[in-house]
Amino acid sequence: MDNMKLPKEKVGDFLAKLGKEKFRVPREIGGRSEFAPPNGESNVDFSLPNTTVPLKSLFYPQTETLYRFEVGDTVPKTSVVAEEMIIMGVRPCDARALTIVDKLFSWDPEDPYYLAKREKATLIGLACQEPRVNCFCTSLGGGPASTEGLDILMTDLGDSYLFQVLTEKGEKICQEAGDILVKSEDNDVQAAEKAHNDAASKIVRGIEADSIPEKLPQLWESDIWKKTADPCLGCGTCTFLCPTCHCFDIQDEIEGIEGRRYRVWDSCMFTEYTLHTSGHNPRPTGRERTRNRINHKYSYYVEKFEVIACVGCGRCINLCPVNIDILNILSQVKEAL
């Protein structure tokens, strides 16, 4: 399908035509930004930088009921419900992060809750034009205009958005939008390519990561881990707001004879994460927990799924309350190696 354009004054019409209730867009809510249903016909602010709460929360909610039961039941009341979603304004690093997390949730066993939501979702990305100071996506195989994981990539052309159609889902969206979209011209594509190149040139931080996965285990007993862990509060911000972190705990909650089993996000940076019932903890201090976090992203996940579990979005740097910087840690790793 040919590239199309969405005039900015018709964004509201676009949402209405496809079903506003289906859309999730970047919004500022309670001092943070996240993907949520639009609250107006045309007031979507696509100029917001990468959302505070990553895209994963739509597919793997922070708290999610797996099934309900009554005491004495032999078969729980399980339901896997997924509604159609059109997620618009997805930054390329978040879309790429989903392709990384997909590998885990479609592994052994497959996760029906996550996969059902993924199947029902269409992702309309937004190419970055002003990368933030701690973005380093280009170091890890991504970029401000990466198309990986997207159905449509849109680029801001000033008075309109260029739609680059990438998949059958994306083509279906454009067909349903009808004459709200207009056909693009050659100079639109050229302007988009220039914007993509300009954005890539603005990324000032990075790391040469290719050699890290293979060699990282050599530093198991290194002093790096204690030094980099000393400032850590163990708050879990770096993992909760990471678009590829996926650890969870499972709880049962019972009131009277009714109950539910649910899962909640967990963090390997929490003391309780590896605490045994016996009282023994194989990761008793921040040293071991920091070592695990870096090794998991840059070694264990690579060994299992052949991809680094980090997309360089910079959230863990931007939002750490004590300014721990994963790029500084990786630089020390490179130096030690």
C-alpha atoms as a PDB file:
ATOM      1  CA  MET A   1       0.000   0.000   0.000  1.00  0.00           C
ATOM      2  CA  ASP A   2       1.206   3.524  -0.759  1.00  0.00           C
ATOM      3  CA  ASN A   3       2.270   5.855   2.039  1.00  0.00           C
ATOM      4  CA  MET A   4      -0.527   8.094   3.261  1.00  0.00           C
ATOM      5  CA  LYS A   5      -0.867  11.370   5.185  1.00  0.00           C
ATOM      6  CA  LEU A   6      -3.089  12.352   8.090  1.00  0.00           C
ATOM      7  CA  PRO A   7      -3.683  16.132   8.282  1.00  0.00           C
ATOM      8  CA  LYS A   8      -3.339  17.247  11.900  1.00  0.00           C
ATOM      9  CA  GLU A   9      -6.733  18.949  11.886  1.00  0.00           C
ATOM     10  CA  LYS A  10      -8.285  15.570  11.082  1.00  0.00           C
ATOM     11  CA  VAL A  11      -6.795  13.592  13.985  1.00  0.00           C
ATOM     12  CA  GLY A  12     -10.136  13.759  15.802  1.00  0.00           C
ATOM     13  CA  ASP A  13     -11.960  12.546  12.695  1.00  0.00           C
ATOM     14  CA  PHE A  14      -9.477   9.696  12.392  1.00  0.00           C
ATOM     15  CA  LEU A  15     -10.144   8.582  15.978  1.00  0.00           C
ATOM     16  CA  ALA A  16     -13.908   8.854  15.533  1.00  0.00           C
ATOM     17  CA  LYS A  17     -13.943   6.980  12.217  1.00  0.00           C
ATOM     18  CA  LEU A  18     -12.064   3.976  13.582  1.00  0.00           C
ATOM     19  CA  GLY A  19     -13.775   4.012  16.983  1.00  0.00           C
ATOM     20  CA  LYS A  20     -12.416   6.335  19.614  1.00  0.00           C
ATOM     21  CA  GLU A  21     -12.952   3.722  22.340  1.00  0.00           C
ATOM     22  CA  LYS A  22     -10.371   1.467  20.671  1.00  0.00           C
ATOM     23  CA  PHE A  23      -7.545   4.002  20.872  1.00  0.00           C
ATOM     24  CA  ARG A  24      -4.819   4.370  23.457  1.00  0.00           C
ATOM     25  CA  VAL A  25      -2.706   7.497  23.147  1.00  0.00           C
ATOM     26  CA  PRO A  26      -0.004   9.252  25.222  1.00  0.00           C
ATOM     27  CA  ARG A  27      -1.571  11.265  28.049  1.00  0.00           C
ATOM     28  CA  GLU A  28      -0.378  13.034  31.168  1.00  0.00           C
ATOM     29  CA  ILE A  29      -2.254  11.647  34.174  1.00  0.00           C
ATOM     30  CA  GLY A  30      -1.462  12.408  37.795  1.00  0.00           C
ATOM     31  CA  GLY A  31       2.022  13.753  37.187  1.00  0.00           C
ATOM     32  CA  ARG A  32       3.124  10.974  34.871  1.00  0.00           C
ATOM     33  CA  SER A  33       2.526  10.068  31.239  1.00  0.00           C
ATOM     34  CA  GLU A  34       1.089   6.789  30.005  1.00  0.00           C
ATOM     35  CA  PHE A  35      -1.018   5.276  27.248  1.00  0.00           C
ATOM     36  CA  ALA A  36      -4.716   5.741  27.967  1.00  0.00           C
ATOM     37  CA  PRO A  37      -8.001   6.325  26.107  1.00  0.00           C
ATOM     38  CA  PRO A  38      -8.170   9.806  24.527  1.00  0.00           C
ATOM     39  CA  ASN A  39     -10.195  12.329  26.500  1.00  0.00           C
ATOM     40  CA  GLY A  40     -11.166  14.549  23.568  1.00  0.00           C
ATOM     41  CA  GLU A  41     -11.794  14.410  19.864  1.00  0.00           C
ATOM     42  CA  SER A  42      -8.613  16.090  18.667  1.00  0.00           C
ATOM     43  CA  ASN A  43      -6.477  17.120  21.637  1.00  0.00           C
ATOM     44  CA  VAL A  44      -3.968  14.280  21.493  1.00  0.00           C
ATOM     45  CA  ASP A  45      -0.537  15.645  22.374  1.00  0.00           C
ATOM     46  CA  PHE A  46       1.870  13.595  20.295  1.00  0.00           C
ATOM     47  CA  SER A  47       4.682  15.986  21.220  1.00  0.00           C
ATOM     48  CA  LEU A  48       5.019  14.268  24.615  1.00  0.00           C
ATOM     49  CA  PRO A  49       8.345  12.454  24.941  1.00  0.00           C
ATOM     50  CA  ASN A  50       8.421   8.754  25.688  1.00  0.00           C
ATOM     51  CA  THR A  51       5.744   7.961  28.269  1.00  0.00           C
ATOM     52  CA  THR A  52       6.822   7.471  31.883  1.00  0.00           C
ATOM     53  CA  VAL A  53       4.898   4.196  32.085  1.00  0.00           C
ATOM     54  CA  PRO A  54       6.042   1.984  29.209  1.00  0.00           C
ATOM     55  CA  LEU A  55       3.860   0.364  26.585  1.00  0.00           C
ATOM     56  CA  LYS A  56       4.185  -3.055  28.249  1.00  0.00           C
ATOM     57  CA  SER A  57       1.544  -2.021  30.809  1.00  0.00           C
ATOM     58  CA  LEU A  58      -1.200  -2.436  28.170  1.00  0.00           C
ATOM     59  CA  PHE A  59      -0.277  -6.070  27.552  1.00  0.00           C
ATOM     60  CA  TYR A  60       1.095  -7.038  30.936  1.00  0.00           C
ATOM     61  CA  PRO A  61      -0.736  -4.859  33.493  1.00  0.00           C
ATOM     62  CA  GLN A  62       0.835  -4.031  36.841  1.00  0.00           C
ATOM     63  CA  THR A  63      -1.959  -6.030  38.506  1.00  0.00           C
ATOM     64  CA  GLU A  64      -3.823  -8.652  36.487  1.00  0.00           C
ATOM     65  CA  THR A  65      -6.387 -11.238  37.589  1.00  0.00           C
ATOM     66  CA  LEU A  66      -5.583 -14.634  36.113  1.00  0.00           C
ATOM     67  CA  TYR A  67      -8.679 -16.447  37.367  1.00  0.00           C
ATOM     68  CA  ARG A  68     -11.359 -16.458  40.048  1.00  0.00           C
ATOM     69  CA  PHE A  69     -12.545 -19.331  42.207  1.00  0.00           C
ATOM     70  CA  GLU A  70     -14.730 -20.365  45.111  1.00  0.00           C
ATOM     71  CA  VAL A  71     -13.423 -22.475  47.954  1.00  0.00           C
ATOM     72  CA  GLY A  72     -14.032 -26.079  46.982  1.00  0.00           C
ATOM     73  CA  ASP A  73     -13.940 -25.480  43.227  1.00  0.00           C
ATOM     74  CA  THR A  74     -12.093 -28.111  41.242  1.00  0.00           C
ATOM     75  CA  VAL A  75     -11.964 -25.936  38.128  1.00  0.00           C
ATOM     76  CA  PRO A  76     -11.206 -22.185  38.414  1.00  0.00           C
ATOM     77  CA  LYS A  77     -13.226 -19.606  36.483  1.00  0.00           C
ATOM     78  CA  THR A  78     -10.684 -18.594  33.882  1.00  0.00           C
ATOM     79  CA  SER A  79     -11.344 -16.068  31.146  1.00  0.00           C
ATOM     80  CA  VAL A  80      -8.864 -14.613  28.689  1.00  0.00           C
ATOM     81  CA  VAL A  81     -10.444 -11.404  27.442  1.00  0.00           C
ATOM     82  CA  ALA A  82      -8.761  -9.067  24.977  1.00  0.00           C
ATOM     83  CA  GLU A  83     -10.393  -6.120  23.257  1.00  0.00           C
ATOM     84  CA  GLU A  84      -9.218  -4.539  20.047  1.00  0.00           C
ATOM     85  CA  MET A  85      -6.735  -1.713  20.667  1.00  0.00           C
ATOM     86  CA  ILE A  86      -5.198   0.827  18.325  1.00  0.00           C
ATOM     87  CA  ILE A  87      -2.192   2.285  20.130  1.00  0.00           C
ATOM     88  CA  MET A  88      -1.158   5.535  18.477  1.00  0.00           C
ATOM     89  CA  GLY A  89       1.985   7.539  19.163  1.00  0.00           C
ATOM     90  CA  VAL A  90       4.208   4.597  20.149  1.00  0.00           C
ATOM     91  CA  ARG A  91       7.883   5.517  20.190  1.00  0.00           C
ATOM     92  CA  PRO A  92      10.051   3.068  18.189  1.00  0.00           C
ATOM     93  CA  CYS A  93      12.044   1.940  21.249  1.00  0.00           C
ATOM     94  CA  ASP A  94       8.840   0.866  23.031  1.00  0.00           C
ATOM     95  CA  ALA A  95       7.610  -1.044  19.993  1.00  0.00           C
ATOM     96  CA  ARG A  96      10.967  -2.792  19.701  1.00  0.00           C
ATOM     97  CA  ALA A  97      10.838  -3.599  23.422  1.00  0.00           C
ATOM     98  CA  LEU A  98       7.585  -5.481  22.880  1.00  0.00           C
ATOM     99  CA  THR A  99       9.224  -7.703  20.263  1.00  0.00           C
ATOM    100  CA  ILE A 100      11.846  -8.577  22.883  1.00  0.00           C
ATOM    101  CA  VAL A 101       9.287  -9.333  25.601  1.00  0.00           C
ATOM    102  CA  ASP A 102       7.251 -11.353  23.080  1.00  0.00           C
ATOM    103  CA  LYS A 103      10.035 -13.922  23.052  1.00  0.00           C
ATOM    104  CA  LEU A 104       9.519 -14.653  26.742  1.00  0.00           C
ATOM    105  CA  PHE A 105       5.719 -14.674  26.847  1.00  0.00           C
ATOM    106  CA  SER A 106       5.516 -16.926  23.767  1.00  0.00           C
ATOM    107  CA  TRP A 107       8.177 -19.284  25.115  1.00  0.00           C
ATOM    108  CA  ASP A 108       7.506 -22.290  27.390  1.00  0.00           C
ATOM    109  CA  PRO A 109       4.696 -22.157  28.301  1.00  0.00           C
ATOM    110  CA  GLU A 110       2.931 -19.574  26.182  1.00  0.00           C
ATOM    111  CA  ASP A 111       1.161 -16.866  28.172  1.00  0.00           C
ATOM    112  CA  PRO A 112      -2.450 -16.655  26.903  1.00  0.00           C
ATOM    113  CA  TYR A 113      -3.206 -13.385  28.715  1.00  0.00           C
ATOM    114  CA  TYR A 114      -0.347 -11.467  27.140  1.00  0.00           C
ATOM    115  CA  LEU A 115      -0.598 -13.050  23.700  1.00  0.00           C
ATOM    116  CA  ALA A 116      -4.343 -12.443  23.395  1.00  0.00           C
ATOM    117  CA  LYS A 117      -3.814  -8.715  23.940  1.00  0.00           C
ATOM    118  CA  ARG A 118      -0.922  -8.630  21.477  1.00  0.00           C
ATOM    119  CA  GLU A 119      -3.002 -10.309  18.795  1.00  0.00           C
ATOM    120  CA  LYS A 120      -5.768  -7.710  19.166  1.00  0.00           C
ATOM    121  CA  ALA A 121      -3.458  -4.680  19.097  1.00  0.00           C
ATOM    122  CA  THR A 122      -2.383  -2.463  16.211  1.00  0.00           C
ATOM    123  CA  LEU A 123       0.642  -0.233  16.825  1.00  0.00           C
ATOM    124  CA  ILE A 124       0.953   3.142  15.137  1.00  0.00           C
ATOM    125  CA  GLY A 125       4.409   4.456  15.898  1.00  0.00           C
ATOM    126  CA  LEU A 126       5.706   8.008  15.978  1.00  0.00           C
ATOM    127  CA  ALA A 127       9.245   8.663  14.792  1.00  0.00           C
ATOM    128  CA  CYS A 128      11.287  10.624  17.338  1.00  0.00           C
ATOM    129  CA  GLN A 129      12.517  14.011  16.186  1.00  0.00           C
ATOM    130  CA  GLU A 130      13.974  15.280  19.458  1.00  0.00           C
ATOM    131  CA  PRO A 131      15.655  12.359  21.276  1.00  0.00           C
ATOM    132  CA  ARG A 132      16.179  12.945  24.975  1.00  0.00           C
ATOM    133  CA  VAL A 133      19.647  13.401  26.398  1.00  0.00           C
ATOM    134  CA  ASN A 134      19.882   9.833  27.742  1.00  0.00           C
ATOM    135  CA  CYS A 135      18.504   8.008  24.702  1.00  0.00           C
ATOM    136  CA  PHE A 136      20.917   5.438  23.270  1.00  0.00           C
ATOM    137  CA  CYS A 137      18.667   3.285  21.053  1.00  0.00           C
ATOM    138  CA  THR A 138      21.135   3.370  18.160  1.00  0.00           C
ATOM    139  CA  SER A 139      23.647   1.420  20.266  1.00  0.00           C
ATOM    140  CA  LEU A 140      21.279  -1.546  20.517  1.00  0.00           C
ATOM    141  CA  GLY A 141      19.940  -2.026  17.015  1.00  0.00           C
ATOM    142  CA  GLY A 142      17.160   0.549  17.142  1.00  0.00           C
ATOM    143  CA  GLY A 143      16.773   4.126  16.029  1.00  0.00           C
ATOM    144  CA  PRO A 144      14.485   7.163  16.173  1.00  0.00           C
ATOM    145  CA  ALA A 145      12.567   5.849  13.153  1.00  0.00           C
ATOM    146  CA  SER A 146      12.907   2.098  13.687  1.00  0.00           C
ATOM    147  CA  THR A 147       9.934   0.169  12.295  1.00  0.00           C
ATOM    148  CA  GLU A 148      10.461  -3.046  14.260  1.00  0.00           C
ATOM    149  CA  GLY A 149       7.240  -4.141  15.947  1.00  0.00           C
ATOM    150  CA  LEU A 150       5.109  -1.445  14.318  1.00  0.00           C
ATOM    151  CA  ASP A 151       2.170  -1.701  11.928  1.00  0.00           C
ATOM    152  CA  ILE A 152       2.425   1.938  10.828  1.00  0.00           C
ATOM    153  CA  LEU A 153       5.202   4.473  11.359  1.00  0.00           C
ATOM    154  CA  MET A 154       4.063   8.079  11.372  1.00  0.00           C
ATOM    155  CA  THR A 155       6.383  11.043  11.003  1.00  0.00           C
ATOM    156  CA  ASP A 156       5.526  14.626  11.906  1.00  0.00           C
ATOM    157  CA  LEU A 157       5.733  16.778   8.775  1.00  0.00           C
ATOM    158  CA  GLY A 158       4.530  19.987  10.413  1.00  0.00           C
ATOM    159  CA  ASP A 159       0.910  20.228   9.299  1.00  0.00           C
ATOM    160  CA  SER A 160       0.373  16.488   8.840  1.00  0.00           C
ATOM    161  CA  TYR A 161       1.698  13.035   9.719  1.00  0.00           C
ATOM    162  CA  LEU A 162       3.173  10.762   7.078  1.00  0.00           C
ATOM    163  CA  PHE A 163       1.895   7.187   7.478  1.00  0.00           C
ATOM    164  CA  GLN A 164       4.352   4.490   6.376  1.00  0.00           C
ATOM    165  CA  VAL A 165       2.284   1.293   6.184  1.00  0.00           C
ATOM    166  CA  LEU A 166       4.258  -1.759   7.334  1.00  0.00           C
ATOM    167  CA  THR A 167       1.850  -4.672   7.888  1.00  0.00           C
ATOM    168  CA  GLU A 168      -1.585  -5.994   6.950  1.00  0.00           C
ATOM    169  CA  LYS A 169      -2.935  -4.575  10.212  1.00  0.00           C
ATOM    170  CA  GLY A 170      -1.617  -1.172   9.225  1.00  0.00           C
ATOM    171  CA  GLU A 171      -3.123  -1.461   5.760  1.00  0.00           C
ATOM    172  CA  LYS A 172      -6.499  -2.335   7.270  1.00  0.00           C
ATOM    173  CA  ILE A 173      -6.392   0.785   9.465  1.00  0.00           C
ATOM    174  CA  CYS A 174      -5.718   2.997   6.454  1.00  0.00           C
ATOM    175  CA  GLN A 175      -8.497   1.396   4.431  1.00  0.00           C
ATOM    176  CA  GLU A 176     -10.975   1.910   7.273  1.00  0.00           C
ATOM    177  CA  ALA A 177      -9.935   5.552   7.620  1.00  0.00           C
ATOM    178  CA  GLY A 178     -10.954   6.130   4.003  1.00  0.00           C
ATOM    179  CA  ASP A 179     -10.702   9.663   2.654  1.00  0.00           C
ATOM    180  CA  ILE A 180      -9.578  11.091   6.003  1.00  0.00           C
ATOM    181  CA  LEU A 181      -6.126  10.057   4.814  1.00  0.00           C
ATOM    182  CA  VAL A 182      -4.608  11.482   1.648  1.00  0.00           C
ATOM    183  CA  LYS A 183      -1.933  10.007  -0.568  1.00  0.00           C
ATOM    184  CA  SER A 184       1.575  11.233   0.144  1.00  0.00           C
ATOM    185  CA  GLU A 185       3.919  12.766  -2.389  1.00  0.00           C
ATOM    186  CA  ASP A 186       7.597  12.156  -3.081  1.00  0.00           C
ATOM    187  CA  ASN A 187       8.670  15.306  -1.241  1.00  0.00           C
ATOM    188  CA  ASP A 188       6.792  14.084   1.862  1.00  0.00           C
ATOM    189  CA  VAL A 189       8.864  10.912   1.938  1.00  0.00           C
ATOM    190  CA  GLN A 190      12.063  12.911   1.420  1.00  0.00           C
ATOM    191  CA  ALA A 191      11.127  15.264   4.257  1.00  0.00           C
ATOM    192  CA  ALA A 192      10.473  12.288   6.536  1.00  0.00           C
ATOM    193  CA  GLU A 193      13.818  10.691   5.688  1.00  0.00           C
ATOM    194  CA  LYS A 194      15.589  13.958   6.459  1.00  0.00           C
ATOM    195  CA  ALA A 195      13.781  14.199   9.800  1.00  0.00           C
ATOM    196  CA  HIS A 196      14.801  10.623  10.630  1.00  0.00           C
ATOM    197  CA  ASN A 197      18.459  11.280   9.813  1.00  0.00           C
ATOM    198  CA  ASP A 198      18.468  14.559  11.734  1.00  0.00           C
ATOM    199  CA  ALA A 199      17.020  12.825  14.787  1.00  0.00           C
ATOM    200  CA  ALA A 200      19.626  10.060  14.685  1.00  0.00           C
ATOM    201  CA  SER A 201      22.387  12.676  14.574  1.00  0.00           C
ATOM    202  CA  LYS A 202      21.065  14.210  17.819  1.00  0.00           C
ATOM    203  CA  ILE A 203      21.697  11.057  19.865  1.00  0.00           C
ATOM    204  CA  VAL A 204      24.841  11.914  21.789  1.00  0.00           C
ATOM    205  CA  ARG A 205      25.226   8.978  24.184  1.00  0.00           C
ATOM    206  CA  GLY A 206      25.932   5.342  23.426  1.00  0.00           C
ATOM    207  CA  ILE A 207      27.898   2.202  24.101  1.00  0.00           C
ATOM    208  CA  GLU A 208      29.526  -0.431  21.899  1.00  0.00           C
ATOM    209  CA  ALA A 209      27.579  -3.403  23.247  1.00  0.00           C
ATOM    210  CA  ASP A 210      28.478  -6.221  20.853  1.00  0.00           C
ATOM    211  CA  SER A 211      31.214  -7.790  23.002  1.00  0.00           C
ATOM    212  CA  ILE A 212      29.467  -7.415  26.357  1.00  0.00           C
ATOM    213  CA  PRO A 213      27.143 -10.476  26.373  1.00  0.00           C
ATOM    214  CA  GLU A 214      29.910 -12.986  25.723  1.00  0.00           C
ATOM    215  CA  LYS A 215      32.409 -11.525  28.182  1.00  0.00           C
ATOM    216  CA  LEU A 216      30.205 -10.218  30.995  1.00  0.00           C
ATOM    217  CA  PRO A 217      30.315 -13.474  33.056  1.00  0.00           C
ATOM    218  CA  GLN A 218      34.077 -12.952  33.453  1.00  0.00           C
ATOM    219  CA  LEU A 219      33.292 -10.101  35.859  1.00  0.00           C
ATOM    220  CA  TRP A 220      31.254 -12.157  38.309  1.00  0.00           C
ATOM    221  CA  GLU A 221      33.484 -11.318  41.268  1.00  0.00           C
ATOM    222  CA  SER A 222      34.422  -7.825  40.101  1.00  0.00           C
ATOM    223  CA  ASP A 223      34.370  -4.847  42.472  1.00  0.00           C
ATOM    224  CA  ILE A 224      32.279  -3.008  39.855  1.00  0.00           C
ATOM    225  CA  TRP A 225      29.055  -4.408  41.283  1.00  0.00           C
ATOM    226  CA  LYS A 226      29.573  -3.109  44.795  1.00  0.00           C
ATOM    227  CA  LYS A 227      30.750   0.296  43.615  1.00  0.00           C
ATOM    228  CA  THR A 228      27.807   0.789  41.252  1.00  0.00           C
ATOM    229  CA  ALA A 229      25.290  -0.598  43.766  1.00  0.00           C
ATOM    230  CA  ASP A 230      26.315   1.531  46.760  1.00  0.00           C
ATOM    231  CA  PRO A 231      23.972   4.482  45.955  1.00  0.00           C
ATOM    232  CA  CYS A 232      20.999   2.198  45.122  1.00  0.00           C
ATOM    233  CA  LEU A 233      17.881   2.560  47.274  1.00  0.00           C
ATOM    234  CA  GLY A 234      16.328  -0.681  46.051  1.00  0.00           C
ATOM    235  CA  CYS A 235      13.197   1.214  44.979  1.00  0.00           C
ATOM    236  CA  GLY A 236      12.690  -0.798  41.771  1.00  0.00           C
ATOM    237  CA  THR A 237      12.076   2.255  39.560  1.00  0.00           C
ATOM    238  CA  CYS A 238      14.625   1.052  36.992  1.00  0.00           C
ATOM    239  CA  THR A 239      12.803  -2.248  36.519  1.00  0.00           C
ATOM    240  CA  PHE A 240       9.173  -1.157  36.921  1.00  0.00           C
ATOM    241  CA  LEU A 241       9.572   1.524  34.246  1.00  0.00           C
ATOM    242  CA  CYS A 242      11.812  -0.517  31.969  1.00  0.00           C
ATOM    243  CA  PRO A 243       9.928  -1.540  28.795  1.00  0.00           C
ATOM    244  CA  THR A 244      11.573  -4.990  28.718  1.00  0.00           C
ATOM    245  CA  CYS A 245      11.579  -6.003  32.404  1.00  0.00           C
ATOM    246  CA  HIS A 246       8.920  -8.617  33.022  1.00  0.00           C
ATOM    247  CA  CYS A 247       9.350 -10.186  36.472  1.00  0.00           C
ATOM    248  CA  PHE A 248       6.158 -10.830  38.425  1.00  0.00           C
ATOM    249  CA  ASP A 249       4.834 -12.349  41.629  1.00  0.00           C
ATOM    250  CA  ILE A 250       1.629 -14.397  41.936  1.00  0.00           C
ATOM    251  CA  GLN A 251      -0.747 -13.966  44.859  1.00  0.00           C
ATOM    252  CA  ASP A 252      -4.025 -15.540  45.999  1.00  0.00           C
ATOM    253  CA  GLU A 253      -6.600 -13.256  47.583  1.00  0.00           C
ATOM    254  CA  ILE A 254      -9.617 -14.737  49.407  1.00  0.00           C
ATOM    255  CA  GLU A 255     -12.644 -13.033  50.922  1.00  0.00           C
ATOM    256  CA  GLY A 256     -15.243 -15.380  52.384  1.00  0.00           C
ATOM    257  CA  ILE A 257     -15.526 -18.322  50.009  1.00  0.00           C
ATOM    258  CA  GLU A 258     -14.542 -16.350  46.908  1.00  0.00           C
ATOM    259  CA  GLY A 259     -11.059 -15.598  45.738  1.00  0.00           C
ATOM    260  CA  ARG A 260      -8.820 -14.782  42.850  1.00  0.00           C
ATOM    261  CA  ARG A 261      -5.307 -15.503  41.693  1.00  0.00           C
ATOM    262  CA  TYR A 262      -3.519 -12.482  40.293  1.00  0.00           C
ATOM    263  CA  ARG A 263      -0.065 -11.453  39.250  1.00  0.00           C
ATOM    264  CA  VAL A 264       1.714  -8.209  40.012  1.00  0.00           C
ATOM    265  CA  TRP A 265       4.914  -6.667  38.783  1.00  0.00           C
ATOM    266  CA  ASP A 266       7.960  -7.564  40.846  1.00  0.00           C
ATOM    267  CA  SER A 267      11.552  -6.403  40.750  1.00  0.00           C
ATOM    268  CA  CYS A 268      14.866  -8.207  41.053  1.00  0.00           C
ATOM    269  CA  MET A 269      16.107  -5.069  42.829  1.00  0.00           C
ATOM    270  CA  PHE A 270      13.858  -5.770  45.843  1.00  0.00           C
ATOM    271  CA  THR A 271      15.407  -7.516  48.846  1.00  0.00           C
ATOM    272  CA  GLU A 272      12.399  -9.850  49.109  1.00  0.00           C
ATOM    273  CA  TYR A 273      12.616 -10.960  45.491  1.00  0.00           C
ATOM    274  CA  THR A 274      14.973 -13.866  46.209  1.00  0.00           C
ATOM    275  CA  LEU A 275      14.299 -14.274  49.946  1.00  0.00           C
ATOM    276  CA  HIS A 276      13.708 -17.937  50.830  1.00  0.00           C
ATOM    277  CA  THR A 277      11.214 -19.093  53.442  1.00  0.00           C
ATOM    278  CA  SER A 278      14.199 -20.360  55.406  1.00  0.00           C
ATOM    279  CA  GLY A 279      15.490 -16.797  55.702  1.00  0.00           C
ATOM    280  CA  HIS A 280      18.377 -17.408  53.317  1.00  0.00           C
ATOM    281  CA  ASN A 281      18.787 -14.888  50.511  1.00  0.00           C
ATOM    282  CA  PRO A 282      21.169 -15.739  47.643  1.00  0.00           C
ATOM    283  CA  ARG A 283      21.224 -12.058  46.670  1.00  0.00           C
ATOM    284  CA  PRO A 284      21.549 -10.462  50.099  1.00  0.00           C
ATOM    285  CA  THR A 285      22.881  -7.040  49.087  1.00  0.00           C
ATOM    286  CA  GLY A 286      22.635  -4.489  46.311  1.00  0.00           C
ATOM    287  CA  ARG A 287      25.895  -5.848  44.885  1.00  0.00           C
ATOM    288  CA  GLU A 288      24.322  -9.170  43.927  1.00  0.00           C
ATOM    289  CA  ARG A 289      21.090  -7.576  42.777  1.00  0.00           C
ATOM    290  CA  THR A 290      22.831  -5.034  40.535  1.00  0.00           C
ATOM    291  CA  ARG A 291      25.021  -7.766  39.104  1.00  0.00           C
ATOM    292  CA  ASN A 292      21.935  -9.826  38.315  1.00  0.00           C
ATOM    293  CA  ARG A 293      20.105  -6.917  36.688  1.00  0.00           C
ATOM    294  CA  ILE A 294      22.951  -6.133  34.284  1.00  0.00           C
ATOM    295  CA  ASN A 295      23.739  -9.792  33.593  1.00  0.00           C
ATOM    296  CA  HIS A 296      20.095 -10.590  32.935  1.00  0.00           C
ATOM    297  CA  LYS A 297      19.726  -7.858  30.340  1.00  0.00           C
ATOM    298  CA  TYR A 298      23.112  -8.164  28.687  1.00  0.00           C
ATOM    299  CA  SER A 299      23.998 -11.841  29.113  1.00  0.00           C
ATOM    300  CA  TYR A 300      21.301 -14.277  30.295  1.00  0.00           C
ATOM    301  CA  TYR A 301      18.575 -13.000  27.982  1.00  0.00           C
ATOM    302  CA  VAL A 302      21.003 -12.962  25.059  1.00  0.00           C
ATOM    303  CA  GLU A 303      21.955 -16.569  25.744  1.00  0.00           C
ATOM    304  CA  LYS A 304      18.305 -17.619  25.853  1.00  0.00           C
ATOM    305  CA  PHE A 305      16.738 -15.436  23.140  1.00  0.00           C
ATOM    306  CA  GLU A 306      19.670 -13.997  21.158  1.00  0.00           C
ATOM    307  CA  VAL A 307      18.818 -10.359  21.845  1.00  0.00           C
ATOM    308  CA  ILE A 308      19.874  -7.848  24.505  1.00  0.00           C
ATOM    309  CA  ALA A 309      16.937  -7.053  26.799  1.00  0.00           C
ATOM    310  CA  CYS A 310      17.485  -3.307  26.630  1.00  0.00           C
ATOM    311  CA  VAL A 311      16.410  -0.826  23.952  1.00  0.00           C
ATOM    312  CA  GLY A 312      18.250   2.289  25.137  1.00  0.00           C
ATOM    313  CA  CYS A 313      15.115   4.265  26.033  1.00  0.00           C
ATOM    314  CA  GLY A 314      16.919   5.972  28.942  1.00  0.00           C
ATOM    315  CA  ARG A 315      14.037   5.678  31.434  1.00  0.00           C
ATOM    316  CA  CYS A 316      16.162   4.004  34.099  1.00  0.00           C
ATOM    317  CA  ILE A 317      18.646   6.886  33.871  1.00  0.00           C
ATOM    318  CA  ASN A 318      16.118   9.713  33.682  1.00  0.00           C
ATOM    319  CA  LEU A 319      13.986   8.483  36.573  1.00  0.00           C
ATOM    320  CA  CYS A 320      16.468   6.973  39.035  1.00  0.00           C
ATOM    321  CA  PRO A 321      16.166   9.005  42.283  1.00  0.00           C
ATOM    322  CA  VAL A 322      19.899   8.686  42.985  1.00  0.00           C
ATOM    323  CA  ASN A 323      21.139   9.148  39.387  1.00  0.00           C
ATOM    324  CA  ILE A 324      22.458   5.651  38.765  1.00  0.00           C
ATOM    325  CA  ASP A 325      23.333   5.529  35.070  1.00  0.00           C
ATOM    326  CA  ILE A 326      23.309   2.201  33.218  1.00  0.00           C
ATOM    327  CA  LEU A 327      25.600   3.638  30.534  1.00  0.00           C
ATOM    328  CA  ASN A 328      28.188   4.467  33.182  1.00  0.00           C
ATOM    329  CA  ILE A 329      27.917   0.912  34.509  1.00  0.00           C
ATOM    330  CA  LEU A 330      28.351  -0.515  31.027  1.00  0.00           C
ATOM    331  CA  SER A 331      31.333   1.767  30.418  1.00  0.00           C
ATOM    332  CA  GLN A 332      32.975   0.403  33.562  1.00  0.00           C
ATOM    333  CA  VAL A 333      32.201  -3.125  32.362  1.00  0.00           C
ATOM    334  CA  LYS A 334      33.838  -2.392  29.014  1.00  0.00           C
ATOM    335  CA  GLU A 335      36.895  -0.932  30.739  1.00  0.00           C
ATOM    336  CA  ALA A 336      37.242  -3.932  33.037  1.00  0.00           C
ATOM    337  CA  LEU A 337      36.926  -6.328  30.123  1.00  0.00           C
END
